[in-house]
Structure formats: C-alpha cells, structure tokens
Amino acid sequence: MKHSKKMAVLSLALALGLTACGGNPAATPEAGPSDGAENTQPPAESRAFPFTLTTKDGQEVSFTHVPQKVIAANSNAGDQLMALGLKDKIIATAYNNSEINPLWNEAYEAIPVVAETYISLETILDLEPDFVYGRSSSFSEKNNTTHDTLSGYNIMSLSSIEGYTVGADIDVVYEDFYNLGRIFQVEDKAEEIVSAMKAKIAAVEKAVAGQTPTPVFVYDMAQEGGAYTCGNNFTSKLIERAGGTNIFNDLDTTWATVSWEEIVERAPEVIIINDYAGDTLEEKIAQLKENPALATVPAIQNDRIISVKLCEVFASSMTADTVEKFSHAFHPDSFQ
C-alpha cells in the first residue's frame, strides 16, 4: 500500500512537469559569488507541491507538503535549518560534534539530542518525523537509513550536497538553501541568506585579488606516520576563495593521510586546524609545534596557525564568514 501511494505521488509529479533536480549540477545554472548571475531558484509557478529532488546516489525524493516535524541529523544541517528560521519545526537533533553559528547555537542546543553519532532507523521511526535533513553520511545502507528506505516509510529526506560532491564549491551551499527554501516555502529568506553570502565573498575576492596564493595545510588529526588532511574538497575551495591554496589539493580524493615529510616538502605558510571531538585544540597545536620533523615549516616558525569548528568548513550559514576568516589569516595586509 505504501509503495502504491508513493508511486502515485511520483506519477502525479511527473505528469504535472514539476520535477526538479536538487543535486545535479546540470539542472542548476552555475553562479559564482561575484559574477552577477541570477539566482538558481525555479520559477514561482513550478514551486508548488508535489515536486521531486534528486539527492545522494541519485535517489529521488518526492516532497508533498511543508514538513512539520523535522530531524536535523548533523550539526551543519541543523545550522542551515536554524538560519532559515525553522527552529520550531526541529523535534530532534543528532551527531552534534560541532558548535553551529553563535547567533543560534544556544537555541539549537536546547533541542533534544537523540543520537551521539549517526541516527538509527529505529530512532527515526519512533520520532515519527516527516522530514530528515543531514550530511550524506547519515543516510546509509549500513544503518538502513537511505533516502529510498525513508521514502518507503513516507518520510521525506535530503542530503546536504557538499557532503557527497568531490570538489564541491560554494554554489552547492546556495543550492542547499534554495532547496530548503522551496521545501519549507521560505524562498525569500533563502534568497536573503544567499545574497548576503555572495556579497561577503565578493568583497573578500576583491580584497585579495592579485595576491600570490598562500600555501595552506589543513590538519585534521594525527595518524600513524603522518597526518590526516583534506585533498580536493569543500575546504580547499574555501581556501582558494580566500586567496590561498591547499598544498594537497592535487590528491584525487577528499581526505587522505600524508607523511610529515610531504608536509615539510610543500612548505605551508599557514596551518588550519580542525577543532572538534577527540584531541583538544591545545593538544593538536602541541602535536605540530613539538614535532621535530616540522621544525622548518614556515607556518610553525612564524606561528601562523588558526583553527575552525567543523561547522565552519561544512556547508552552513557560516560559509562566507569562513572565507573571510581565512582571507584575514592568509593576507592580513589586504585588510589594514
């Protein structure tokens, strides 16, 4: 019965020509922060229910109504919902391994936390939500929480695009907000957020234009024989927007373990530390400064080390703030 009802909704969406693609770059005009392109929202007449969005692994989710009972499966996903003014719809949160935007972090932490890490299908079903939003890692076959599985229980769901896109740039953050704006019928608020982000990033890019890119190393955690760092991922794109270059951007993966010797050879002038659960920020700084293998690294010698919370380098309301923060660390003379 549930399968038949689901197919009927999808058939109606197709018949009315209301299908949209939320995670397919080909379906959304490419727009940079400062290129003056129009926003990527669909025309007003196509935003009625039902409609379909394509998400992680090409799975399609039919949206039939404005969600009323929402689970935020990760902190950065919760941050995006809070930025859109949707706090009263969030019934539970999970995997809060990072503080979110200080503007609403306290209010967010007051919402019940139902899972320390990935939320289970059993917990989701017990809460009876009509929408689950999170990073792609929260929707897995391992935990039986794929988007297709949840659709089978008449639960709408969506993955934040950045989490499943190699080489993701800031346009995917804009698309997240446009998708959520459409789902919750708060398109004007979504456009307000995106426009502000574009303006801030455009100002940064103008300020650092012409500067030689600063070599940057991202330190996530220590690993046997080296360090865990980012390759071609979203953090790298934020670094580039701010006038830097990730020294391991040439890796053909989003994350990898590299040797201390490779770090020394690539001579980063700034180090960014991911400050989250596990070793404290102070412990991570000590791991770098007290490692004799890194003694000649310019960033260590000149004490050019900054830190970020994970939510700052995941898709969130703080994306533009992070670009600005990085730019001041990479090119301080540009902002005097």
Protein backbone atom coordinates (compact mmCIF):
# COMPACT_ATOMS: atom_id res chain seq x y z
CA MET A 1 0.00 0.00 0.00
CA LYS A 2 2.78 2.44 0.91
CA HIS A 3 4.61 1.60 -2.32
CA SER A 4 1.48 2.22 -4.41
CA LYS A 5 0.80 5.57 -2.74
CA LYS A 6 4.43 6.60 -3.25
CA MET A 7 4.30 5.68 -6.97
CA ALA A 8 1.05 7.59 -7.38
CA VAL A 9 2.64 10.74 -5.95
CA LEU A 10 5.68 10.38 -8.19
CA SER A 11 3.48 9.80 -11.26
CA LEU A 12 1.45 12.91 -10.48
CA ALA A 13 4.66 14.94 -10.11
CA LEU A 14 5.87 13.74 -13.48
CA ALA A 15 2.52 14.36 -15.16
CA LEU A 16 2.43 17.93 -13.92
CA GLY A 17 6.01 18.54 -15.04
CA LEU A 18 7.10 19.58 -11.57
CA THR A 19 10.23 17.51 -11.27
CA ALA A 20 13.39 19.38 -10.24
CA CYS A 21 16.89 18.18 -9.58
CA GLY A 22 18.49 19.30 -6.31
CA GLY A 23 21.87 17.60 -6.56
CA ASN A 24 22.55 17.61 -10.28
CA PRO A 25 24.79 20.47 -11.40
CA ALA A 26 23.34 20.22 -14.92
CA ALA A 27 19.93 21.19 -13.61
CA THR A 28 21.12 24.37 -11.92
CA PRO A 29 22.80 27.30 -13.70
CA GLU A 30 26.31 27.79 -12.38
CA ALA A 31 26.61 31.02 -10.44
CA GLY A 32 29.69 32.30 -8.64
CA PRO A 33 29.64 34.70 -5.73
CA SER A 34 30.61 37.71 -7.74
CA ASP A 35 29.59 37.01 -11.32
CA GLY A 36 26.26 38.79 -11.12
CA ALA A 37 24.34 35.68 -12.20
CA GLU A 38 20.68 35.40 -11.38
CA ASN A 39 19.70 33.11 -8.50
CA THR A 40 19.11 29.43 -9.18
CA GLN A 41 15.60 29.17 -7.77
CA PRO A 42 12.99 27.62 -10.06
CA PRO A 43 10.17 29.87 -11.34
CA ALA A 44 7.41 30.55 -8.79
CA GLU A 45 4.83 28.58 -10.75
CA SER A 46 6.98 25.41 -10.50
CA ARG A 47 7.42 25.51 -6.73
CA ALA A 48 4.04 24.04 -5.76
CA PHE A 49 3.73 20.56 -4.27
CA PRO A 50 4.33 17.83 -5.20
CA PHE A 51 7.85 18.04 -6.63
CA THR A 52 10.90 15.76 -6.71
CA LEU A 53 14.51 16.40 -5.77
CA THR A 54 17.44 14.15 -6.64
CA THR A 55 19.85 13.63 -3.76
CA LYS A 56 22.71 11.31 -2.69
CA ASP A 57 23.42 8.37 -5.06
CA GLY A 58 20.81 9.65 -7.49
CA GLN A 59 17.96 8.75 -5.16
CA GLU A 60 14.75 10.69 -5.80
CA VAL A 61 12.57 12.04 -3.01
CA SER A 62 9.04 13.30 -3.56
CA PHE A 63 8.03 16.34 -1.50
CA THR A 64 4.29 16.50 -0.92
CA HIS A 65 3.87 19.17 1.77
CA VAL A 66 5.72 21.61 4.02
CA PRO A 67 7.41 19.49 6.74
CA GLN A 68 6.17 20.00 10.30
CA LYS A 69 8.30 17.50 12.29
CA VAL A 70 11.97 17.67 11.34
CA ILE A 71 15.09 15.80 12.44
CA ALA A 72 18.47 17.52 11.93
CA ALA A 73 20.85 14.58 11.51
CA ASN A 74 24.07 16.67 11.71
CA SER A 75 25.10 19.98 13.22
CA ASN A 76 25.75 21.81 9.95
CA ALA A 77 22.38 20.66 8.61
CA GLY A 78 20.78 21.96 11.78
CA ASP A 79 22.60 25.26 11.32
CA GLN A 80 21.08 25.69 7.86
CA LEU A 81 17.59 24.98 9.20
CA MET A 82 18.09 27.44 12.04
CA ALA A 83 19.33 30.12 9.64
CA LEU A 84 16.03 29.81 7.78
CA GLY A 85 14.07 30.39 10.99
CA LEU A 86 12.82 26.80 11.27
CA LYS A 87 13.71 26.09 14.92
CA ASP A 88 10.11 25.39 15.95
CA LYS A 89 9.88 22.60 13.38
CA ILE A 90 13.00 20.73 14.62
CA ILE A 91 11.89 17.98 17.01
CA ALA A 92 15.31 16.35 17.46
CA THR A 93 18.99 16.60 16.54
CA ALA A 94 21.86 14.12 16.17
CA TYR A 95 25.64 13.95 15.72
CA ASN A 96 26.30 17.39 17.20
CA ASN A 97 30.10 17.21 17.03
CA SER A 98 30.46 20.93 16.31
CA GLU A 99 29.03 24.19 17.54
CA ILE A 100 26.92 25.96 14.95
CA ASN A 101 26.53 29.67 14.22
CA PRO A 102 26.82 31.58 17.54
CA LEU A 103 23.68 33.51 16.57
CA TRP A 104 21.54 30.44 17.25
CA ASN A 105 23.84 27.84 18.82
CA GLU A 106 22.30 28.19 22.30
CA ALA A 107 18.76 27.75 20.98
CA TYR A 108 19.84 24.76 18.90
CA GLU A 109 21.50 23.04 21.86
CA ALA A 110 18.19 23.26 23.75
CA ILE A 111 16.56 20.90 21.22
CA PRO A 112 16.59 17.21 22.30
CA VAL A 113 19.59 15.21 21.09
CA VAL A 114 18.59 11.66 20.16
CA ALA A 115 21.89 10.23 18.87
CA GLU A 116 25.52 10.97 19.67
CA THR A 117 26.58 9.90 16.17
CA TYR A 118 24.56 8.55 13.24
CA ILE A 119 20.85 8.27 13.91
CA SER A 120 19.28 4.81 13.52
CA LEU A 121 16.17 3.88 11.56
CA GLU A 122 14.52 2.73 14.78
CA THR A 123 15.05 6.13 16.40
CA ILE A 124 13.75 7.92 13.32
CA LEU A 125 10.60 5.80 13.21
CA ASP A 126 9.98 6.27 16.95
CA LEU A 127 10.03 10.05 16.49
CA GLU A 128 7.62 9.96 13.53
CA PRO A 129 9.14 12.88 11.58
CA ASP A 130 8.00 13.89 8.13
CA PHE A 131 11.46 15.18 7.11
CA VAL A 132 15.08 14.26 7.92
CA TYR A 133 17.91 16.52 6.76
CA GLY A 134 21.63 15.88 7.19
CA ARG A 135 25.00 15.12 5.66
CA SER A 136 25.12 12.28 3.17
CA SER A 137 26.92 10.03 5.68
CA SER A 138 23.77 9.98 7.82
CA PHE A 139 21.82 8.22 5.05
CA SER A 140 23.49 4.86 4.65
CA GLU A 141 22.79 1.25 3.75
CA LYS A 142 24.79 0.23 6.82
CA ASN A 143 22.26 1.88 9.13
CA ASN A 144 19.31 1.15 6.82
CA THR A 145 18.65 4.89 6.56
CA THR A 146 18.98 5.53 2.83
CA HIS A 147 16.68 8.08 1.24
CA ASP A 148 14.86 5.28 -0.57
CA THR A 149 14.32 3.45 2.72
CA LEU A 150 12.89 6.52 4.42
CA SER A 151 10.66 7.23 1.42
CA GLY A 152 9.24 3.73 1.92
CA TYR A 153 8.04 4.88 5.33
CA ASN A 154 6.55 8.09 3.84
CA ILE A 155 9.36 10.16 5.42
CA MET A 156 10.82 12.88 3.21
CA SER A 157 14.60 13.37 3.42
CA LEU A 158 17.51 15.19 1.80
CA SER A 159 21.32 15.20 1.95
CA SER A 160 23.32 18.42 2.03
CA ILE A 161 25.01 18.44 -1.38
CA GLU A 162 28.54 19.32 -0.22
CA GLY A 163 28.92 16.05 1.70
CA TYR A 164 28.64 13.81 -1.36
CA THR A 165 30.28 16.00 -4.01
CA VAL A 166 34.01 15.72 -4.74
CA GLY A 167 35.46 19.18 -5.35
CA ALA A 168 32.29 20.90 -4.11
CA ASP A 169 32.36 24.70 -4.31
CA ILE A 170 30.21 27.33 -2.62
CA ASP A 171 27.45 27.07 -5.23
CA VAL A 172 26.31 23.84 -3.56
CA VAL A 173 25.69 25.75 -0.32
CA TYR A 174 23.49 28.18 -2.21
CA GLU A 175 21.64 25.24 -3.73
CA ASP A 176 21.08 23.72 -0.27
CA PHE A 177 19.42 26.92 0.88
CA TYR A 178 17.33 27.20 -2.28
CA ASN A 179 16.18 23.58 -1.90
CA LEU A 180 15.25 24.10 1.76
CA GLY A 181 13.59 27.41 0.94
CA ARG A 182 11.43 25.61 -1.60
CA ILE A 183 10.61 22.70 0.71
CA PHE A 184 9.56 24.96 3.60
CA GLN A 185 8.16 27.75 1.40
CA VAL A 186 10.62 30.32 2.77
CA GLU A 187 12.18 31.23 -0.57
CA ASP A 188 12.59 34.90 0.33
CA LYS A 189 14.61 34.04 3.44
CA ALA A 190 16.78 31.63 1.46
CA GLU A 191 17.47 34.31 -1.13
CA GLU A 192 18.34 36.80 1.62
CA ILE A 193 20.90 34.37 3.08
CA VAL A 194 22.46 33.52 -0.29
CA SER A 195 22.65 37.16 -1.42
CA ALA A 196 24.44 38.13 1.80
CA MET A 197 26.92 35.26 1.33
CA LYS A 198 27.65 36.25 -2.25
CA ALA A 199 28.24 39.87 -1.28
CA LYS A 200 30.66 38.98 1.53
CA ILE A 201 32.65 36.54 -0.60
CA ALA A 202 32.79 39.00 -3.48
CA ALA A 203 34.26 41.60 -1.12
CA VAL A 204 36.92 39.14 0.03
CA GLU A 205 37.85 38.15 -3.51
CA LYS A 206 38.21 41.82 -4.45
CA ALA A 207 40.43 42.49 -1.42
CA VAL A 208 42.86 39.63 -2.17
CA ALA A 209 42.84 39.98 -5.96
CA GLY A 210 46.36 39.96 -7.36
CA GLN A 211 47.93 38.44 -4.25
CA THR A 212 50.13 35.36 -4.57
CA PRO A 213 48.12 32.40 -3.17
CA THR A 214 49.27 31.44 0.33
CA PRO A 215 50.23 27.75 0.72
CA VAL A 216 47.97 26.20 3.39
CA PHE A 217 47.97 22.87 5.24
CA VAL A 218 44.80 21.57 6.89
CA TYR A 219 45.47 19.46 9.99
CA ASP A 220 42.59 17.23 10.95
CA MET A 221 44.28 14.69 13.22
CA ALA A 222 47.47 12.71 13.72
CA GLN A 223 47.76 9.33 12.03
CA GLU A 224 50.45 6.68 12.16
CA GLY A 225 53.42 8.13 10.30
CA GLY A 226 51.74 11.40 9.41
CA ALA A 227 48.59 13.47 9.40
CA TYR A 228 45.03 13.25 8.11
CA THR A 229 44.31 16.16 5.79
CA CYS A 230 41.95 17.27 3.05
CA GLY A 231 42.50 16.85 -0.65
CA ASN A 232 40.13 18.11 -3.32
CA ASN A 233 37.15 19.01 -1.15
CA PHE A 234 34.97 21.86 0.06
CA THR A 235 37.57 23.22 2.49
CA SER A 236 40.02 23.53 -0.41
CA LYS A 237 37.54 25.65 -2.32
CA LEU A 238 37.02 27.93 0.68
CA ILE A 239 40.79 28.32 0.93
CA GLU A 240 41.03 29.23 -2.76
CA ARG A 241 38.24 31.82 -2.47
CA ALA A 242 40.21 33.42 0.37
CA GLY A 243 43.44 33.76 -1.58
CA GLY A 244 45.15 30.55 -0.52
CA THR A 245 45.95 27.15 -1.97
CA ASN A 246 45.62 23.81 -0.21
CA ILE A 247 49.05 22.17 -0.53
CA PHE A 248 47.35 18.77 -1.02
CA ASN A 249 44.68 19.89 -3.43
CA ASP A 250 46.23 17.62 -6.08
CA LEU A 251 45.08 14.48 -4.25
CA ASP A 252 42.38 12.56 -6.14
CA THR A 253 40.29 12.18 -3.01
CA THR A 254 38.55 14.40 -0.47
CA TRP A 255 40.57 13.18 2.55
CA ALA A 256 43.84 11.26 2.93
CA THR A 257 46.76 10.51 5.25
CA VAL A 258 50.04 12.18 4.26
CA SER A 259 53.53 11.85 5.69
CA TRP A 260 55.29 14.53 7.73
CA GLU A 261 57.99 14.60 5.04
CA GLU A 262 55.42 15.54 2.38
CA ILE A 263 54.19 18.40 4.57
CA VAL A 264 57.72 19.74 5.04
CA GLU A 265 58.43 19.47 1.32
CA ARG A 266 55.33 21.51 0.42
CA ALA A 267 56.19 24.22 2.98
CA PRO A 268 52.83 25.59 4.12
CA GLU A 269 52.85 29.19 5.33
CA VAL A 270 49.56 28.82 7.24
CA ILE A 271 48.11 25.83 9.07
CA ILE A 272 44.37 25.38 9.68
CA ILE A 273 43.44 23.01 12.49
CA ASN A 274 40.03 21.31 12.53
CA ASP A 275 38.88 21.73 16.14
CA TYR A 276 36.33 19.08 17.02
CA ALA A 277 35.75 15.95 19.11
CA GLY A 278 38.87 13.99 20.04
CA ASP A 279 42.14 15.74 20.83
CA THR A 280 41.68 19.29 22.07
CA LEU A 281 42.84 22.28 20.05
CA GLU A 282 45.70 22.81 22.50
CA GLU A 283 46.78 19.18 22.08
CA LYS A 284 46.73 19.46 18.29
CA ILE A 285 48.79 22.65 18.37
CA ALA A 286 51.32 20.90 20.61
CA GLN A 287 51.44 17.89 18.27
CA LEU A 288 52.54 20.21 15.47
CA LYS A 289 54.86 22.56 17.34
CA GLU A 290 56.62 19.78 19.27
CA ASN A 291 57.14 17.55 16.25
CA PRO A 292 60.84 17.91 15.30
CA ALA A 293 60.06 16.81 11.74
CA LEU A 294 58.07 20.03 11.25
CA ALA A 295 60.58 22.46 12.74
CA THR A 296 61.45 24.04 9.37
CA VAL A 297 57.86 24.51 8.20
CA PRO A 298 57.22 28.27 7.71
CA ALA A 299 53.81 28.15 9.40
CA ILE A 300 55.41 26.64 12.51
CA GLN A 301 58.35 29.02 12.54
CA ASN A 302 56.10 32.07 12.18
CA ASP A 303 53.28 30.76 14.39
CA ARG A 304 50.66 31.20 11.67
CA ILE A 305 48.14 28.67 12.94
CA ILE A 306 44.38 29.15 13.05
CA SER A 307 41.50 26.84 13.90
CA VAL A 308 37.96 26.19 12.71
CA LYS A 309 34.99 24.27 14.03
CA LEU A 310 33.74 21.61 11.64
CA CYS A 311 30.55 23.53 11.01
CA GLU A 312 32.64 26.40 9.64
CA VAL A 313 34.09 24.22 6.88
CA PHE A 314 30.95 22.20 6.13
CA ALA A 315 28.03 23.69 4.21
CA SER A 316 26.36 26.07 6.66
CA SER A 317 25.25 29.64 7.26
CA MET A 318 28.89 30.43 8.12
CA THR A 319 30.40 29.61 4.72
CA ALA A 320 31.06 33.24 3.75
CA ASP A 321 32.28 34.04 7.27
CA THR A 322 34.84 31.24 6.94
CA VAL A 323 36.12 32.59 3.62
CA GLU A 324 36.51 36.00 5.27
CA LYS A 325 38.27 34.45 8.29
CA PHE A 326 40.70 32.57 6.05
CA SER A 327 41.47 35.66 3.95
CA HIS A 328 42.48 37.67 7.02
CA ALA A 329 44.85 34.87 8.04
CA PHE A 330 46.33 34.46 4.55
CA HIS A 331 46.64 38.13 3.54
CA PRO A 332 46.38 40.34 6.62
CA ASP A 333 47.94 43.30 4.79
CA SER A 334 44.95 43.39 2.42
CA PHE A 335 42.64 44.35 5.27
CA GLN A 336 44.61 47.06 7.09
